[in-house]
Amino acid sequence: MNDTMQFIDEQGLCAMDNICAFCITLFDGWNRFCPACKDYKGVMALPDFINTYGKEGLKR
């Protein structure tokens, strides 16, 4: 987890943000509904996404 937090910091991202696993859209952590997909099923916390799909998952 420490590597994940360091990566997030180095990329200038916020660990509290959410990301949609379907379309890789980053958005505010308070929102649990993807503004691009108009769905909630793929929404994950950014650290969870990186731990699940790896850093390469952000480059899709």
Protein backbone atom coordinates (compact mmCIF):
# COMPACT_ATOMS: atom_id res chain seq x y z
CA MET A 1 0.00 0.00 0.00
CA ASN A 2 2.90 2.36 0.70
CA ASP A 3 4.08 2.05 -2.92
CA THR A 4 0.56 2.88 -4.08
CA MET A 5 0.38 6.03 -1.99
CA GLN A 6 3.84 7.09 -3.16
CA PHE A 7 2.82 6.55 -6.80
CA ILE A 8 -0.37 8.59 -6.30
CA ASP A 9 1.64 11.42 -4.74
CA GLU A 10 4.28 11.36 -7.50
CA GLN A 11 1.58 11.55 -10.17
CA GLY A 12 -0.05 14.55 -8.49
CA LEU A 13 -3.28 12.64 -7.91
CA CYS A 14 -5.48 12.61 -4.81
CA ALA A 15 -5.85 9.36 -2.86
CA MET A 16 -9.40 10.36 -1.94
CA ASP A 17 -10.55 10.46 -5.57
CA ASN A 18 -12.60 7.75 -7.25
CA ILE A 19 -12.00 6.23 -10.65
CA CYS A 20 -14.29 4.39 -13.01
CA ALA A 21 -12.78 1.01 -13.92
CA PHE A 22 -14.76 0.99 -17.18
CA CYS A 23 -13.72 4.32 -18.72
CA ILE A 24 -10.77 5.36 -16.47
CA THR A 25 -12.38 8.67 -15.54
CA LEU A 26 -11.10 10.27 -12.32
CA PHE A 27 -13.52 12.27 -10.21
CA ASP A 28 -14.15 13.58 -6.71
CA GLY A 29 -14.18 11.01 -3.93
CA TRP A 30 -17.57 12.17 -2.67
CA ASN A 31 -19.20 11.11 -5.93
CA ARG A 32 -19.96 7.38 -6.32
CA PHE A 33 -21.52 7.78 -9.79
CA CYS A 34 -19.32 8.04 -12.90
CA PRO A 35 -20.13 11.26 -14.78
CA ALA A 36 -18.87 9.78 -18.07
CA CYS A 37 -20.49 6.31 -18.00
CA LYS A 38 -23.54 7.40 -16.02
CA ASP A 39 -23.10 4.26 -13.89
CA TYR A 40 -21.91 3.33 -10.41
CA LYS A 41 -20.84 -0.31 -10.91
CA GLY A 42 -17.25 0.36 -11.96
CA VAL A 43 -16.52 3.12 -9.44
CA MET A 44 -13.60 2.40 -7.10
CA ALA A 45 -11.38 4.36 -4.76
CA LEU A 46 -8.16 5.27 -6.59
CA PRO A 47 -5.84 3.28 -4.25
CA ASP A 48 -8.08 0.20 -4.59
CA PHE A 49 -8.03 0.54 -8.38
CA ILE A 50 -4.23 0.70 -8.48
CA ASN A 51 -3.90 -2.27 -6.10
CA THR A 52 -6.34 -4.30 -8.23
CA TYR A 53 -5.38 -3.35 -11.81
CA GLY A 54 -1.86 -2.01 -11.30
CA LYS A 55 -0.34 1.30 -12.29
CA GLU A 56 -0.65 0.34 -15.96
CA GLY A 57 -4.43 0.37 -15.58
CA LEU A 58 -4.38 4.17 -15.49
CA LYS A 59 -2.89 4.28 -19.00
CA ARG A 60 -5.82 2.61 -20.79
